[in-house]
Amino acid sequence: MERSKIKSILAKCFKKLDFPRPAPGQSDWEKLGARFDYSWPRDFVTFIELCSEYNVDWQFLAVIRHTDHDSDTIECVYDNEMRSGQWEEEYIPFHDVGNGDYYCLKSNDLSDCVYYFDHEIPEYRKSENSFEEWIRRIPEVFA
């Protein structure tokens, strides 16, 4: 998906920040990728980088923590959920729905499918066949 298309979708749904936050750098992505033995999908990286320009902290987990006021990080949520005993290690949360459910990527999945974790069951189910599909659904979910 083109960067301009992702930016257009974000602009429809979220307020642009007057002062954008620093976006994750290459070394941040490499460190997080090494933690999960995972190569991040291009659309995911672009999406997260562009999120630094919009007020979306309360929904999407951060790649890195810049201040004490940032949203939870992917690593922090992953570690907490692993301690709960319900989490399967190959799932990487990136969006906290707010009720204990998460949207995730799967580290041992060569595609870039998005999965939904329902904490009440607990169960993972495929939500979209690609991260691009997930991005395209943002206006109907978050607008």
Protein backbone atom coordinates (compact mmCIF):
# COMPACT_ATOMS: atom_id res chain seq x y z
CA MET A 1 0.00 0.00 0.00
CA GLU A 2 1.36 3.41 -0.86
CA ARG A 3 2.45 5.66 1.99
CA SER A 4 0.17 8.44 0.73
CA LYS A 5 -2.87 6.12 0.88
CA ILE A 6 -2.09 5.11 4.47
CA LYS A 7 -1.65 8.78 5.39
CA SER A 8 -4.98 9.63 3.76
CA ILE A 9 -6.78 6.96 5.78
CA LEU A 10 -5.21 8.16 9.04
CA ALA A 11 -6.11 11.77 8.23
CA LYS A 12 -9.79 10.81 7.80
CA CYS A 13 -9.96 9.19 11.22
CA PHE A 14 -7.54 10.95 13.55
CA LYS A 15 -6.52 14.48 14.41
CA LYS A 16 -3.10 15.50 13.16
CA LEU A 17 -0.71 16.45 15.95
CA ASP A 18 0.75 19.95 16.03
CA PHE A 19 4.06 18.43 17.15
CA PRO A 20 4.56 14.87 15.88
CA ARG A 21 6.23 12.35 18.17
CA PRO A 22 9.49 10.73 17.07
CA ALA A 23 8.83 7.73 14.84
CA PRO A 24 10.66 4.46 15.50
CA GLY A 25 14.01 4.27 13.72
CA GLN A 26 15.57 1.37 11.86
CA SER A 27 17.44 0.21 14.98
CA ASP A 28 14.17 0.19 16.97
CA TRP A 29 12.53 -2.05 14.37
CA GLU A 30 15.57 -4.33 14.28
CA LYS A 31 15.66 -4.65 18.07
CA LEU A 32 11.95 -5.42 18.30
CA GLY A 33 12.17 -7.80 15.34
CA ALA A 34 15.03 -9.67 17.01
CA ARG A 35 12.99 -10.00 20.20
CA PHE A 36 10.24 -11.81 18.30
CA ASP A 37 12.39 -13.34 15.54
CA TYR A 38 10.14 -11.50 13.11
CA SER A 39 10.46 -9.34 9.99
CA TRP A 40 7.85 -6.60 10.16
CA PRO A 41 5.56 -6.19 7.12
CA ARG A 42 6.32 -3.04 5.14
CA ASP A 43 2.74 -1.75 5.49
CA PHE A 44 2.91 -2.23 9.27
CA VAL A 45 6.17 -0.26 9.56
CA THR A 46 4.83 2.56 7.38
CA PHE A 47 1.56 2.64 9.31
CA ILE A 48 3.27 2.85 12.71
CA GLU A 49 5.69 5.51 11.47
CA LEU A 50 2.80 7.63 10.17
CA CYS A 51 0.88 7.16 13.44
CA SER A 52 3.53 9.37 15.06
CA GLU A 53 1.88 12.28 13.22
CA TYR A 54 -1.64 11.60 14.53
CA ASN A 55 -3.38 11.39 17.90
CA VAL A 56 -3.72 7.60 18.04
CA ASP A 57 -1.66 6.70 21.16
CA TRP A 58 -4.62 5.39 23.12
CA GLN A 59 -5.32 2.66 20.58
CA PHE A 60 -2.06 1.44 19.08
CA LEU A 61 0.82 -0.01 21.08
CA ALA A 62 4.13 1.83 20.79
CA VAL A 63 7.25 0.30 19.29
CA ILE A 64 9.41 2.29 21.71
CA ARG A 65 8.65 4.39 24.77
CA HIS A 66 9.66 8.03 24.37
CA THR A 67 8.22 9.36 27.63
CA ASP A 68 6.46 8.06 30.72
CA HIS A 69 3.19 9.27 29.19
CA ASP A 70 3.38 7.15 26.04
CA SER A 71 1.01 4.29 25.50
CA ASP A 72 2.09 0.80 26.44
CA THR A 73 4.68 -0.77 24.21
CA ILE A 74 4.28 -3.95 22.20
CA GLU A 75 6.93 -5.62 24.38
CA CYS A 76 5.33 -4.54 27.66
CA VAL A 77 1.88 -5.82 26.71
CA TYR A 78 3.32 -9.03 25.28
CA ASP A 79 5.27 -9.72 28.49
CA ASN A 80 2.24 -8.99 30.69
CA GLU A 81 -0.03 -11.20 28.62
CA MET A 82 2.54 -14.03 28.59
CA ARG A 83 2.54 -13.91 32.40
CA SER A 84 -1.26 -14.30 32.37
CA GLY A 85 -0.87 -17.81 30.97
CA GLN A 86 -3.47 -17.34 28.20
CA TRP A 87 -1.16 -15.82 25.58
CA GLU A 88 0.46 -17.89 22.83
CA GLU A 89 4.06 -16.81 22.25
CA GLU A 90 3.87 -16.47 18.45
CA TYR A 91 1.26 -13.69 18.59
CA ILE A 92 2.50 -10.08 18.73
CA PRO A 93 -0.09 -7.51 19.92
CA PHE A 94 -0.15 -4.12 18.21
CA HIS A 95 -3.60 -2.73 19.04
CA ASP A 96 -5.28 -2.83 22.44
CA VAL A 97 -9.04 -2.87 21.88
CA GLY A 98 -9.54 -1.77 25.49
CA ASN A 99 -11.51 -4.69 26.86
CA GLY A 100 -8.67 -7.21 27.12
CA ASP A 101 -8.82 -8.06 23.42
CA TYR A 102 -6.02 -7.32 20.94
CA TYR A 103 -5.24 -7.22 17.25
CA CYS A 104 -2.02 -9.13 16.60
CA LEU A 105 0.48 -10.23 14.03
CA LYS A 106 1.81 -13.79 14.14
CA SER A 107 5.58 -14.25 14.19
CA ASN A 108 5.60 -17.67 12.51
CA ASP A 109 3.16 -16.64 9.76
CA LEU A 110 4.96 -15.72 6.54
CA SER A 111 1.96 -13.72 5.37
CA ASP A 112 1.02 -10.46 7.05
CA CYS A 113 -2.40 -11.63 8.28
CA VAL A 114 -3.96 -9.82 11.21
CA TYR A 115 -5.42 -11.86 14.07
CA TYR A 116 -7.91 -10.92 16.77
CA PHE A 117 -7.44 -12.22 20.30
CA ASP A 118 -10.68 -12.59 22.28
CA HIS A 119 -9.68 -12.80 25.95
CA GLU A 120 -13.02 -14.18 27.14
CA ILE A 121 -12.76 -17.44 25.19
CA PRO A 122 -9.53 -17.16 24.96
CA GLU A 123 -9.10 -17.59 21.23
CA TYR A 124 -7.23 -16.16 18.26
CA ARG A 125 -9.00 -15.83 14.93
CA LYS A 126 -7.89 -14.42 11.61
CA SER A 127 -9.32 -10.94 11.23
CA GLU A 128 -7.86 -9.91 7.84
CA ASN A 129 -5.72 -11.67 5.25
CA SER A 130 -3.21 -8.82 5.18
CA PHE A 131 -2.23 -5.73 7.12
CA GLU A 132 -3.30 -3.67 4.10
CA GLU A 133 -6.84 -5.06 4.47
CA TRP A 134 -6.75 -4.12 8.15
CA ILE A 135 -5.65 -0.55 7.32
CA ARG A 136 -8.47 -0.23 4.78
CA ARG A 137 -10.99 -1.11 7.54
CA ILE A 138 -9.81 1.70 9.86
CA PRO A 139 -12.42 4.24 8.65
CA GLU A 140 -15.32 1.90 9.45
CA VAL A 141 -13.87 0.87 12.81
CA PHE A 142 -12.40 4.12 14.16
CA ALA A 143 -14.21 6.96 12.43
